[in-house]
Amino acid sequence: MASIAVIGAGAVGGYYGARLAQAGHDVRFLLRRDLAAVREQGLRVFSPRGDFHLRDVRAAATPDELGQTDWVICSLKATALESARELVAPCVGPNTRIVALMNGLGIEPRFAEWFGAERVFGGMAFVCINRGAPGFIHHLEYGRVSIGHALDEPAENAKLETLLTSGDIETVVAPNLRYARWEKLCWNIPFNGLSVAGGGIGTQTILDDPELRETAARAMREVVAMGNADLESLNSTARLDMDEVVSRMFALTETMGDYRTSMVIDFVRGNQLEVEAILGNPVRRARELGVAAPAVESLYALVAHADRVRRGPRKVLPPQDLDSIL
């Protein structure tokens, strides 16, 4: 059995960490909001695959309490990427491997810079999940994790695949890490983006509105084109199949109900959005490659502005200003 540190044990990190703990691994969770509750009553997971309760959970307030481990699963928000180094470092020993289970583009290069590419992996979670009351995780559907090693070493991918499948986690080894990143962005960019640009809406609203649905499909096709151009620039032979990806992503979304994306939850709560990792970095890469992506660029501009308005740096016109010109 492996020792595993989960850094950023929110809904996603908490769920996958709990699955691995349930399988008997020594899983140690770095917690903030849920720390007291988990220490007192453990961690409860509600899932269509079966509910379970971890009563004795190794929960810590600081990474130094976790100690060095065989694996680190870092599932911080991309907005906290620059704090990851100091949180992960105390858990890293000579043979520790690090999985960046995070959204967006441009994640693994930072970990590789800090800890060496040979020990770094990316993980893309295709899962519907939300955090409930402290110590409660609600897994709604899916759960597949697509993985890739930073140096695309097959033997290293096999080690992570073995770890995850031991926790009954559906695991797919992607053709390469960049492919895996772009595949996840095919869903994240249109649905996270529109959920915020639409003013704070769920996925069903996007699917039911013909104009929003077509905008999502147009943006998704652009992401496929962006991703394939990036893969070609890296001399990879892997390609995303546009028709297959669009059909599959929409079919999956149809089964989710009115799902609240992680970005819209942050938007409604007034938290900083992962706008640069999920939208900004892909847009900048497309511009470098000369790939036209007008729908994605529009989403980036709208979501970035909505983020600044919601958190205060930018203001909207107050009603009294409008009254003065009537």
C-alpha atoms as a PDB file:
ATOM      1  CA  MET A   1       0.000   0.000   0.000  1.00  0.00           C
ATOM      2  CA  ALA A   2       1.123   3.541  -0.777  1.00  0.00           C
ATOM      3  CA  SER A   3       1.292   6.667   1.348  1.00  0.00           C
ATOM      4  CA  ILE A   4      -0.535   9.557  -0.323  1.00  0.00           C
ATOM      5  CA  ALA A   5      -0.823  13.240   0.556  1.00  0.00           C
ATOM      6  CA  VAL A   6      -3.889  15.039  -0.795  1.00  0.00           C
ATOM      7  CA  ILE A   7      -3.196  18.766  -1.079  1.00  0.00           C
ATOM      8  CA  GLY A   8      -6.384  20.727  -1.636  1.00  0.00           C
ATOM      9  CA  ALA A   9      -8.867  18.176  -0.334  1.00  0.00           C
ATOM     10  CA  GLY A  10     -12.029  19.830  -1.578  1.00  0.00           C
ATOM     11  CA  ALA A  11     -14.693  17.961  -3.526  1.00  0.00           C
ATOM     12  CA  VAL A  12     -12.402  16.444  -6.165  1.00  0.00           C
ATOM     13  CA  GLY A  13      -9.323  15.766  -4.044  1.00  0.00           C
ATOM     14  CA  GLY A  14     -11.462  14.603  -1.155  1.00  0.00           C
ATOM     15  CA  TYR A  15     -13.419  12.174  -3.305  1.00  0.00           C
ATOM     16  CA  TYR A  16     -10.464  10.496  -5.002  1.00  0.00           C
ATOM     17  CA  GLY A  17      -8.457  10.500  -1.790  1.00  0.00           C
ATOM     18  CA  ALA A  18     -11.371   8.848  -0.004  1.00  0.00           C
ATOM     19  CA  ARG A  19     -11.584   6.163  -2.697  1.00  0.00           C
ATOM     20  CA  LEU A  20      -7.898   5.384  -2.227  1.00  0.00           C
ATOM     21  CA  ALA A  21      -8.242   5.378   1.563  1.00  0.00           C
ATOM     22  CA  GLN A  22     -11.200   3.025   1.280  1.00  0.00           C
ATOM     23  CA  ALA A  23      -8.886   0.656  -0.637  1.00  0.00           C
ATOM     24  CA  GLY A  24      -6.453   0.616   2.284  1.00  0.00           C
ATOM     25  CA  HIS A  25      -3.849   3.186   1.250  1.00  0.00           C
ATOM     26  CA  ASP A  26      -2.357   5.540   3.851  1.00  0.00           C
ATOM     27  CA  VAL A  27      -4.051   8.738   2.695  1.00  0.00           C
ATOM     28  CA  ARG A  28      -3.379  12.022   4.475  1.00  0.00           C
ATOM     29  CA  PHE A  29      -5.586  15.028   3.775  1.00  0.00           C
ATOM     30  CA  LEU A  30      -4.590  18.699   3.993  1.00  0.00           C
ATOM     31  CA  LEU A  31      -7.798  20.491   4.976  1.00  0.00           C
ATOM     32  CA  ARG A  32      -8.983  24.007   5.754  1.00  0.00           C
ATOM     33  CA  ARG A  33     -12.752  24.513   5.960  1.00  0.00           C
ATOM     34  CA  ASP A  34     -13.509  20.869   6.771  1.00  0.00           C
ATOM     35  CA  LEU A  35     -10.632  20.211   9.180  1.00  0.00           C
ATOM     36  CA  ALA A  36     -12.512  20.255  12.503  1.00  0.00           C
ATOM     37  CA  ALA A  37     -15.500  18.337  11.144  1.00  0.00           C
ATOM     38  CA  VAL A  38     -13.362  15.616   9.540  1.00  0.00           C
ATOM     39  CA  ARG A  39     -11.253  15.209  12.663  1.00  0.00           C
ATOM     40  CA  GLU A  40     -14.413  14.825  14.738  1.00  0.00           C
ATOM     41  CA  GLN A  41     -16.669  12.742  12.503  1.00  0.00           C
ATOM     42  CA  GLY A  42     -14.613  11.540   9.547  1.00  0.00           C
ATOM     43  CA  LEU A  43     -15.383  11.929   5.851  1.00  0.00           C
ATOM     44  CA  ARG A  44     -18.674  10.905   4.267  1.00  0.00           C
ATOM     45  CA  VAL A  45     -19.106  10.298   0.546  1.00  0.00           C
ATOM     46  CA  PHE A  46     -22.520  10.002  -1.100  1.00  0.00           C
ATOM     47  CA  SER A  47     -22.239   8.368  -4.502  1.00  0.00           C
ATOM     48  CA  PRO A  48     -24.347   6.443  -7.035  1.00  0.00           C
ATOM     49  CA  ARG A  49     -21.586   3.850  -6.763  1.00  0.00           C
ATOM     50  CA  GLY A  50     -22.333   3.398  -3.079  1.00  0.00           C
ATOM     51  CA  ASP A  51     -22.149   5.675  -0.046  1.00  0.00           C
ATOM     52  CA  PHE A  52     -19.358   5.195   2.464  1.00  0.00           C
ATOM     53  CA  HIS A  53     -17.986   6.735   5.648  1.00  0.00           C
ATOM     54  CA  LEU A  54     -14.306   6.973   6.547  1.00  0.00           C
ATOM     55  CA  ARG A  55     -14.405   7.301  10.314  1.00  0.00           C
ATOM     56  CA  ASP A  56     -10.695   7.575  11.047  1.00  0.00           C
ATOM     57  CA  VAL A  57      -9.165  10.135   8.706  1.00  0.00           C
ATOM     58  CA  ARG A  58      -5.630  11.466   8.899  1.00  0.00           C
ATOM     59  CA  ALA A  59      -6.421  15.169   8.574  1.00  0.00           C
ATOM     60  CA  ALA A  60      -3.850  17.945   8.856  1.00  0.00           C
ATOM     61  CA  ALA A  61      -3.843  21.722   9.007  1.00  0.00           C
ATOM     62  CA  THR A  62      -0.314  22.121   7.599  1.00  0.00           C
ATOM     63  CA  PRO A  63       1.698  20.118   5.051  1.00  0.00           C
ATOM     64  CA  ASP A  64       4.450  19.530   7.611  1.00  0.00           C
ATOM     65  CA  GLU A  65       1.979  17.389   9.566  1.00  0.00           C
ATOM     66  CA  LEU A  66       1.535  15.119   6.528  1.00  0.00           C
ATOM     67  CA  GLY A  67       5.190  14.162   6.228  1.00  0.00           C
ATOM     68  CA  GLN A  68       6.909  12.723   3.159  1.00  0.00           C
ATOM     69  CA  THR A  69       4.791  10.370   1.087  1.00  0.00           C
ATOM     70  CA  ASP A  70       5.060   8.096  -1.946  1.00  0.00           C
ATOM     71  CA  TRP A  71       2.533  10.180  -3.875  1.00  0.00           C
ATOM     72  CA  VAL A  72       1.169  13.711  -3.695  1.00  0.00           C
ATOM     73  CA  ILE A  73      -2.189  14.451  -5.295  1.00  0.00           C
ATOM     74  CA  CYS A  74      -2.493  18.210  -5.668  1.00  0.00           C
ATOM     75  CA  SER A  75      -6.066  19.270  -6.413  1.00  0.00           C
ATOM     76  CA  LEU A  76      -5.853  22.962  -5.653  1.00  0.00           C
ATOM     77  CA  LYS A  77      -7.717  25.493  -7.737  1.00  0.00           C
ATOM     78  CA  ALA A  78      -5.568  26.814 -10.558  1.00  0.00           C
ATOM     79  CA  THR A  79      -5.891  30.242  -8.949  1.00  0.00           C
ATOM     80  CA  ALA A  80      -3.752  28.855  -6.100  1.00  0.00           C
ATOM     81  CA  LEU A  81      -1.089  27.358  -8.378  1.00  0.00           C
ATOM     82  CA  GLU A  82       1.701  29.609  -7.122  1.00  0.00           C
ATOM     83  CA  SER A  83       1.073  28.481  -3.533  1.00  0.00           C
ATOM     84  CA  ALA A  84       1.380  24.820  -4.520  1.00  0.00           C
ATOM     85  CA  ARG A  85       5.147  24.710  -4.204  1.00  0.00           C
ATOM     86  CA  GLU A  86       5.250  25.521  -0.499  1.00  0.00           C
ATOM     87  CA  LEU A  87       2.301  23.209   0.214  1.00  0.00           C
ATOM     88  CA  VAL A  88       3.682  20.224  -1.709  1.00  0.00           C
ATOM     89  CA  ALA A  89       7.377  20.525  -0.816  1.00  0.00           C
ATOM     90  CA  PRO A  90       7.160  19.164   2.767  1.00  0.00           C
ATOM     91  CA  CYS A  91       5.621  15.951   1.410  1.00  0.00           C
ATOM     92  CA  VAL A  92       8.292  15.325  -1.225  1.00  0.00           C
ATOM     93  CA  GLY A  93      11.005  12.767  -0.574  1.00  0.00           C
ATOM     94  CA  PRO A  94      13.609  11.262  -2.933  1.00  0.00           C
ATOM     95  CA  ASN A  95      11.056   9.002  -4.697  1.00  0.00           C
ATOM     96  CA  THR A  96       7.830  10.974  -4.356  1.00  0.00           C
ATOM     97  CA  ARG A  97       5.641  11.347  -7.437  1.00  0.00           C
ATOM     98  CA  ILE A  98       3.274  14.305  -7.857  1.00  0.00           C
ATOM     99  CA  VAL A  99      -0.102  14.315  -9.618  1.00  0.00           C
ATOM    100  CA  ALA A 100      -1.523  17.706 -10.600  1.00  0.00           C
ATOM    101  CA  LEU A 101      -5.252  16.932 -10.500  1.00  0.00           C
ATOM    102  CA  MET A 102      -6.150  20.444 -11.597  1.00  0.00           C
ATOM    103  CA  ASN A 103      -7.994  22.226 -14.387  1.00  0.00           C
ATOM    104  CA  GLY A 104      -6.496  24.282 -17.179  1.00  0.00           C
ATOM    105  CA  LEU A 105      -3.440  24.601 -19.381  1.00  0.00           C
ATOM    106  CA  GLY A 106       0.074  25.397 -18.159  1.00  0.00           C
ATOM    107  CA  ILE A 107      -0.137  23.481 -14.882  1.00  0.00           C
ATOM    108  CA  GLU A 108       2.553  20.791 -15.082  1.00  0.00           C
ATOM    109  CA  PRO A 109       5.395  23.082 -16.268  1.00  0.00           C
ATOM    110  CA  ARG A 110       5.328  24.860 -12.908  1.00  0.00           C
ATOM    111  CA  PHE A 111       5.527  21.592 -10.969  1.00  0.00           C
ATOM    112  CA  ALA A 112       8.293  20.383 -13.276  1.00  0.00           C
ATOM    113  CA  GLU A 113      10.229  23.590 -12.648  1.00  0.00           C
ATOM    114  CA  TRP A 114       9.908  23.160  -8.888  1.00  0.00           C
ATOM    115  CA  PHE A 115      10.319  19.407  -8.461  1.00  0.00           C
ATOM    116  CA  GLY A 116      11.620  17.947 -11.744  1.00  0.00           C
ATOM    117  CA  ALA A 117       9.540  16.733 -14.683  1.00  0.00           C
ATOM    118  CA  GLU A 118      10.449  13.098 -14.099  1.00  0.00           C
ATOM    119  CA  ARG A 119       8.192  12.926 -11.027  1.00  0.00           C
ATOM    120  CA  VAL A 120       5.264  15.014 -12.326  1.00  0.00           C
ATOM    121  CA  PHE A 121       1.940  13.813 -13.772  1.00  0.00           C
ATOM    122  CA  GLY A 122      -1.245  15.508 -14.883  1.00  0.00           C
ATOM    123  CA  GLY A 123      -4.684  14.161 -14.015  1.00  0.00           C
ATOM    124  CA  MET A 124      -7.934  15.316 -15.612  1.00  0.00           C
ATOM    125  CA  ALA A 125     -11.055  14.337 -13.661  1.00  0.00           C
ATOM    126  CA  PHE A 126     -14.224  13.891 -15.678  1.00  0.00           C
ATOM    127  CA  VAL A 127     -16.592  13.905 -12.725  1.00  0.00           C
ATOM    128  CA  CYS A 128     -19.775  15.588 -11.466  1.00  0.00           C
ATOM    129  CA  ILE A 129     -19.141  16.364  -7.833  1.00  0.00           C
ATOM    130  CA  ASN A 130     -19.893  18.992  -5.214  1.00  0.00           C
ATOM    131  CA  ARG A 131     -18.890  19.619  -1.629  1.00  0.00           C
ATOM    132  CA  GLY A 132     -21.691  19.673   0.930  1.00  0.00           C
ATOM    133  CA  ALA A 133     -21.575  20.501   4.625  1.00  0.00           C
ATOM    134  CA  PRO A 134     -18.116  20.160   6.213  1.00  0.00           C
ATOM    135  CA  GLY A 135     -17.003  16.544   5.948  1.00  0.00           C
ATOM    136  CA  PHE A 136     -19.571  15.663   3.254  1.00  0.00           C
ATOM    137  CA  ILE A 137     -18.881  15.051  -0.453  1.00  0.00           C
ATOM    138  CA  HIS A 138     -21.642  14.493  -3.003  1.00  0.00           C
ATOM    139  CA  HIS A 139     -20.480  12.486  -6.011  1.00  0.00           C
ATOM    140  CA  LEU A 140     -23.226  12.846  -8.615  1.00  0.00           C
ATOM    141  CA  GLU A 141     -21.939  10.987 -11.671  1.00  0.00           C
ATOM    142  CA  TYR A 142     -18.900   9.818 -13.636  1.00  0.00           C
ATOM    143  CA  GLY A 143     -15.397   9.751 -12.182  1.00  0.00           C
ATOM    144  CA  ARG A 144     -12.956   8.859 -14.949  1.00  0.00           C
ATOM    145  CA  VAL A 145      -9.455  10.266 -14.606  1.00  0.00           C
ATOM    146  CA  SER A 146      -7.350  10.763 -17.733  1.00  0.00           C
ATOM    147  CA  ILE A 147      -3.647  10.746 -16.913  1.00  0.00           C
ATOM    148  CA  GLY A 148      -0.341  11.602 -18.510  1.00  0.00           C
ATOM    149  CA  HIS A 149       3.279  11.826 -17.377  1.00  0.00           C
ATOM    150  CA  ALA A 150       5.086  15.118 -17.902  1.00  0.00           C
ATOM    151  CA  LEU A 151       7.725  13.328 -19.997  1.00  0.00           C
ATOM    152  CA  ASP A 152       5.171  10.879 -21.446  1.00  0.00           C
ATOM    153  CA  GLU A 153       7.026   7.888 -20.002  1.00  0.00           C
ATOM    154  CA  PRO A 154       4.847   4.742 -20.393  1.00  0.00           C
ATOM    155  CA  ALA A 155       6.369   3.008 -17.359  1.00  0.00           C
ATOM    156  CA  GLU A 156       5.560   6.012 -15.179  1.00  0.00           C
ATOM    157  CA  ASN A 157       1.997   6.193 -16.496  1.00  0.00           C
ATOM    158  CA  ALA A 158       1.592   2.531 -15.604  1.00  0.00           C
ATOM    159  CA  LYS A 159       2.543   3.238 -11.980  1.00  0.00           C
ATOM    160  CA  LEU A 160      -0.101   5.939 -11.613  1.00  0.00           C
ATOM    161  CA  GLU A 161      -2.676   3.817 -13.410  1.00  0.00           C
ATOM    162  CA  THR A 162      -1.999   0.968 -10.965  1.00  0.00           C
ATOM    163  CA  LEU A 163      -2.430   3.302  -7.997  1.00  0.00           C
ATOM    164  CA  LEU A 164      -5.711   4.794  -9.167  1.00  0.00           C
ATOM    165  CA  THR A 165      -7.308   1.562 -10.313  1.00  0.00           C
ATOM    166  CA  SER A 166      -6.492   0.036  -6.925  1.00  0.00           C
ATOM    167  CA  GLY A 167      -9.028   2.524  -5.561  1.00  0.00           C
ATOM    168  CA  ASP A 168     -11.626   1.426  -8.130  1.00  0.00           C
ATOM    169  CA  ILE A 169     -11.117   4.691 -10.017  1.00  0.00           C
ATOM    170  CA  GLU A 170     -11.704   4.453 -13.762  1.00  0.00           C
ATOM    171  CA  THR A 171      -8.393   5.480 -15.299  1.00  0.00           C
ATOM    172  CA  VAL A 172      -7.443   6.187 -18.901  1.00  0.00           C
ATOM    173  CA  VAL A 173      -3.851   6.710 -20.019  1.00  0.00           C
ATOM    174  CA  ALA A 174      -4.038   9.460 -22.633  1.00  0.00           C
ATOM    175  CA  PRO A 175      -1.940   9.363 -25.822  1.00  0.00           C
ATOM    176  CA  ASN A 176       0.106  12.097 -24.149  1.00  0.00           C
ATOM    177  CA  LEU A 177      -0.310  14.680 -21.433  1.00  0.00           C
ATOM    178  CA  ARG A 178      -1.068  17.612 -23.728  1.00  0.00           C
ATOM    179  CA  TYR A 179      -3.814  15.581 -25.432  1.00  0.00           C
ATOM    180  CA  ALA A 180      -5.389  14.914 -22.042  1.00  0.00           C
ATOM    181  CA  ARG A 181      -5.317  18.606 -21.156  1.00  0.00           C
ATOM    182  CA  TRP A 182      -7.020  19.667 -24.386  1.00  0.00           C
ATOM    183  CA  GLU A 183      -9.629  16.915 -24.142  1.00  0.00           C
ATOM    184  CA  LYS A 184     -10.724  18.217 -20.742  1.00  0.00           C
ATOM    185  CA  LEU A 185     -10.714  21.795 -22.024  1.00  0.00           C
ATOM    186  CA  CYS A 186     -13.188  20.733 -24.718  1.00  0.00           C
ATOM    187  CA  TRP A 187     -15.788  20.572 -21.939  1.00  0.00           C
ATOM    188  CA  ASN A 188     -14.424  23.097 -19.483  1.00  0.00           C
ATOM    189  CA  ILE A 189     -14.105  26.028 -21.879  1.00  0.00           C
ATOM    190  CA  PRO A 190     -17.657  26.075 -23.297  1.00  0.00           C
ATOM    191  CA  PHE A 191     -19.600  24.968 -20.219  1.00  0.00           C
ATOM    192  CA  ASN A 192     -17.611  26.709 -17.486  1.00  0.00           C
ATOM    193  CA  GLY A 193     -17.334  29.777 -19.696  1.00  0.00           C
ATOM    194  CA  LEU A 194     -21.002  30.029 -20.614  1.00  0.00           C
ATOM    195  CA  SER A 195     -22.169  29.263 -17.081  1.00  0.00           C
ATOM    196  CA  VAL A 196     -20.527  32.525 -16.001  1.00  0.00           C
ATOM    197  CA  ALA A 197     -20.990  34.573 -19.180  1.00  0.00           C
ATOM    198  CA  GLY A 198     -24.689  33.663 -19.013  1.00  0.00           C
ATOM    199  CA  GLY A 199     -24.932  35.374 -15.640  1.00  0.00           C
ATOM    200  CA  GLY A 200     -24.717  32.320 -13.357  1.00  0.00           C
ATOM    201  CA  ILE A 201     -26.520  29.386 -14.979  1.00  0.00           C
ATOM    202  CA  GLY A 202     -26.396  25.579 -14.929  1.00  0.00           C
ATOM    203  CA  THR A 203     -25.663  23.224 -17.796  1.00  0.00           C
ATOM    204  CA  GLN A 204     -29.326  22.467 -18.527  1.00  0.00           C
ATOM    205  CA  THR A 205     -29.996  26.120 -19.306  1.00  0.00           C
ATOM    206  CA  ILE A 206     -27.150  26.041 -21.832  1.00  0.00           C
ATOM    207  CA  LEU A 207     -28.466  22.858 -23.424  1.00  0.00           C
ATOM    208  CA  ASP A 208     -32.082  24.060 -23.573  1.00  0.00           C
ATOM    209  CA  ASP A 209     -31.384  27.470 -25.111  1.00  0.00           C
ATOM    210  CA  PRO A 210     -30.732  27.075 -28.864  1.00  0.00           C
ATOM    211  CA  GLU A 211     -28.373  30.055 -29.083  1.00  0.00           C
ATOM    212  CA  LEU A 212     -26.370  29.083 -26.010  1.00  0.00           C
ATOM    213  CA  ARG A 213     -26.200  25.470 -27.154  1.00  0.00           C
ATOM    214  CA  GLU A 214     -24.867  26.479 -30.543  1.00  0.00           C
ATOM    215  CA  THR A 215     -22.360  28.826 -28.925  1.00  0.00           C
ATOM    216  CA  ALA A 216     -21.138  25.949 -26.738  1.00  0.00           C
ATOM    217  CA  ALA A 217     -20.797  23.689 -29.777  1.00  0.00           C
ATOM    218  CA  ARG A 218     -18.963  26.389 -31.748  1.00  0.00           C
ATOM    219  CA  ALA A 219     -16.556  27.007 -28.880  1.00  0.00           C
ATOM    220  CA  MET A 220     -15.974  23.267 -28.476  1.00  0.00           C
ATOM    221  CA  ARG A 221     -15.106  22.876 -32.143  1.00  0.00           C
ATOM    222  CA  GLU A 222     -12.644  25.747 -31.790  1.00  0.00           C
ATOM    223  CA  VAL A 223     -11.025  24.067 -28.769  1.00  0.00           C
ATOM    224  CA  VAL A 224     -10.545  20.878 -30.800  1.00  0.00           C
ATOM    225  CA  ALA A 225      -8.867  22.908 -33.553  1.00  0.00           C
ATOM    226  CA  MET A 226      -6.684  24.709 -31.002  1.00  0.00           C
ATOM    227  CA  GLY A 227      -5.695  21.460 -29.360  1.00  0.00           C
ATOM    228  CA  ASN A 228      -4.860  19.692 -32.606  1.00  0.00           C
ATOM    229  CA  ALA A 229      -2.715  22.599 -33.759  1.00  0.00           C
ATOM    230  CA  ASP A 230      -0.873  22.505 -30.439  1.00  0.00           C
ATOM    231  CA  LEU A 231      -0.347  18.735 -30.696  1.00  0.00           C
ATOM    232  CA  GLU A 232       0.986  19.131 -34.228  1.00  0.00           C
ATOM    233  CA  SER A 233       3.392  21.845 -33.073  1.00  0.00           C
ATOM    234  CA  LEU A 234       4.764  19.379 -30.504  1.00  0.00           C
ATOM    235  CA  ASN A 235       5.261  16.704 -33.201  1.00  0.00           C
ATOM    236  CA  SER A 236       2.595  14.507 -31.652  1.00  0.00           C
ATOM    237  CA  THR A 237       0.601  12.272 -33.978  1.00  0.00           C
ATOM    238  CA  ALA A 238      -2.365  12.203 -31.564  1.00  0.00           C
ATOM    239  CA  ARG A 239      -5.439  14.158 -32.642  1.00  0.00           C
ATOM    240  CA  LEU A 240      -8.834  14.936 -31.174  1.00  0.00           C
ATOM    241  CA  ASP A 241     -11.668  13.824 -33.475  1.00  0.00           C
ATOM    242  CA  MET A 242     -13.926  16.874 -33.735  1.00  0.00           C
ATOM    243  CA  ASP A 243     -17.219  15.118 -34.461  1.00  0.00           C
ATOM    244  CA  GLU A 244     -16.605  12.401 -31.870  1.00  0.00           C
ATOM    245  CA  VAL A 245     -15.581  14.853 -29.151  1.00  0.00           C
ATOM    246  CA  VAL A 246     -18.536  17.194 -29.675  1.00  0.00           C
ATOM    247  CA  SER A 247     -21.018  14.316 -29.811  1.00  0.00           C
ATOM    248  CA  ARG A 248     -19.581  12.640 -26.707  1.00  0.00           C
ATOM    249  CA  MET A 249     -19.285  15.796 -24.603  1.00  0.00           C
ATOM    250  CA  PHE A 250     -22.853  16.862 -25.313  1.00  0.00           C
ATOM    251  CA  ALA A 251     -24.198  13.349 -24.713  1.00  0.00           C
ATOM    252  CA  LEU A 252     -22.452  13.266 -21.324  1.00  0.00           C
ATOM    253  CA  THR A 253     -23.750  16.710 -20.410  1.00  0.00           C
ATOM    254  CA  GLU A 254     -27.311  15.696 -21.287  1.00  0.00           C
ATOM    255  CA  THR A 255     -27.195  13.157 -18.445  1.00  0.00           C
ATOM    256  CA  MET A 256     -25.964  15.597 -15.766  1.00  0.00           C
ATOM    257  CA  GLY A 257     -29.196  17.413 -15.018  1.00  0.00           C
ATOM    258  CA  ASP A 258     -28.783  21.105 -14.280  1.00  0.00           C
ATOM    259  CA  TYR A 259     -25.177  20.717 -13.143  1.00  0.00           C
ATOM    260  CA  ARG A 260     -23.390  23.677 -11.546  1.00  0.00           C
ATOM    261  CA  THR A 261     -19.883  23.968 -12.932  1.00  0.00           C
ATOM    262  CA  SER A 262     -17.002  24.654 -10.562  1.00  0.00           C
ATOM    263  CA  MET A 263     -16.571  28.057 -12.165  1.00  0.00           C
ATOM    264  CA  VAL A 264     -20.172  29.139 -11.697  1.00  0.00           C
ATOM    265  CA  ILE A 265     -20.063  28.055  -8.038  1.00  0.00           C
ATOM    266  CA  ASP A 266     -17.007  30.258  -7.527  1.00  0.00           C
ATOM    267  CA  PHE A 267     -18.697  33.085  -9.446  1.00  0.00           C
ATOM    268  CA  VAL A 268     -21.852  32.995  -7.331  1.00  0.00           C
ATOM    269  CA  ARG A 269     -19.768  32.885  -4.140  1.00  0.00           C
ATOM    270  CA  GLY A 270     -17.587  35.779  -5.246  1.00  0.00           C
ATOM    271  CA  ASN A 271     -14.405  33.680  -5.369  1.00  0.00           C
ATOM    272  CA  GLN A 272     -11.629  34.254  -7.877  1.00  0.00           C
ATOM    273  CA  LEU A 273     -12.266  32.276 -11.060  1.00  0.00           C
ATOM    274  CA  GLU A 274      -9.854  29.903 -12.813  1.00  0.00           C
ATOM    275  CA  VAL A 275     -10.259  32.099 -15.856  1.00  0.00           C
ATOM    276  CA  GLU A 276      -6.603  32.317 -16.887  1.00  0.00           C
ATOM    277  CA  ALA A 277      -5.859  28.593 -16.636  1.00  0.00           C
ATOM    278  CA  ILE A 278      -9.093  27.452 -18.302  1.00  0.00           C
ATOM    279  CA  LEU A 279      -9.589  30.257 -20.848  1.00  0.00           C
ATOM    280  CA  GLY A 280      -6.670  32.693 -20.928  1.00  0.00           C
ATOM    281  CA  ASN A 281      -3.797  30.241 -21.422  1.00  0.00           C
ATOM    282  CA  PRO A 282      -5.575  28.340 -24.239  1.00  0.00           C
ATOM    283  CA  VAL A 283      -6.442  31.627 -25.972  1.00  0.00           C
ATOM    284  CA  ARG A 284      -2.843  32.794 -25.775  1.00  0.00           C
ATOM    285  CA  ARG A 285      -1.605  29.467 -27.135  1.00  0.00           C
ATOM    286  CA  ALA A 286      -4.076  29.673 -30.032  1.00  0.00           C
ATOM    287  CA  ARG A 287      -2.826  33.144 -30.876  1.00  0.00           C
ATOM    288  CA  GLU A 288       0.769  31.902 -30.867  1.00  0.00           C
ATOM    289  CA  LEU A 289      -0.213  29.174 -33.305  1.00  0.00           C
ATOM    290  CA  GLY A 290      -2.318  31.449 -35.509  1.00  0.00           C
ATOM    291  CA  VAL A 291      -5.548  29.524 -34.839  1.00  0.00           C
ATOM    292  CA  ALA A 292      -8.744  31.561 -35.100  1.00  0.00           C
ATOM    293  CA  ALA A 293     -10.997  31.044 -32.070  1.00  0.00           C
ATOM    294  CA  PRO A 294     -13.514  33.922 -31.962  1.00  0.00           C
ATOM    295  CA  ALA A 295     -16.067  32.174 -29.743  1.00  0.00           C
ATOM    296  CA  VAL A 296     -13.450  31.155 -27.172  1.00  0.00           C
ATOM    297  CA  GLU A 297     -11.839  34.595 -27.237  1.00  0.00           C
ATOM    298  CA  SER A 298     -15.248  36.178 -26.599  1.00  0.00           C
ATOM    299  CA  LEU A 299     -15.881  33.838 -23.676  1.00  0.00           C
ATOM    300  CA  TYR A 300     -12.475  34.690 -22.230  1.00  0.00           C
ATOM    301  CA  ALA A 301     -13.127  38.433 -22.448  1.00  0.00           C
ATOM    302  CA  LEU A 302     -16.609  38.155 -20.922  1.00  0.00           C
ATOM    303  CA  VAL A 303     -15.665  35.785 -18.100  1.00  0.00           C
ATOM    304  CA  ALA A 304     -12.514  37.731 -17.194  1.00  0.00           C
ATOM    305  CA  HIS A 305     -14.572  40.914 -16.985  1.00  0.00           C
ATOM    306  CA  ALA A 306     -17.357  39.217 -14.990  1.00  0.00           C
ATOM    307  CA  ASP A 307     -14.734  37.949 -12.548  1.00  0.00           C
ATOM    308  CA  ARG A 308     -13.358  41.438 -11.975  1.00  0.00           C
ATOM    309  CA  VAL A 309     -16.839  42.951 -11.589  1.00  0.00           C
ATOM    310  CA  ARG A 310     -17.971  40.250  -9.172  1.00  0.00           C
ATOM    311  CA  ARG A 311     -14.927  40.630  -6.943  1.00  0.00           C
ATOM    312  CA  GLY A 312     -14.922  44.431  -6.999  1.00  0.00           C
ATOM    313  CA  PRO A 313     -12.006  45.751  -9.070  1.00  0.00           C
ATOM    314  CA  ARG A 314     -14.444  46.813 -11.807  1.00  0.00           C
ATOM    315  CA  LYS A 315     -17.829  48.388 -11.254  1.00  0.00           C
ATOM    316  CA  VAL A 316     -21.120  48.322 -13.107  1.00  0.00           C
ATOM    317  CA  LEU A 317     -23.314  51.380 -13.442  1.00  0.00           C
ATOM    318  CA  PRO A 318     -25.412  51.879 -10.284  1.00  0.00           C
ATOM    319  CA  PRO A 319     -29.152  52.622 -10.714  1.00  0.00           C
ATOM    320  CA  GLN A 320     -28.795  56.165  -9.383  1.00  0.00           C
ATOM    321  CA  ASP A 321     -26.389  57.041 -12.201  1.00  0.00           C
ATOM    322  CA  LEU A 322     -28.986  55.912 -14.734  1.00  0.00           C
ATOM    323  CA  ASP A 323     -31.761  57.825 -12.984  1.00  0.00           C
ATOM    324  CA  SER A 324     -29.867  61.083 -13.441  1.00  0.00           C
ATOM    325  CA  ILE A 325     -30.049  60.910 -17.231  1.00  0.00           C
ATOM    326  CA  LEU A 326     -33.713  59.970 -17.545  1.00  0.00           C
END
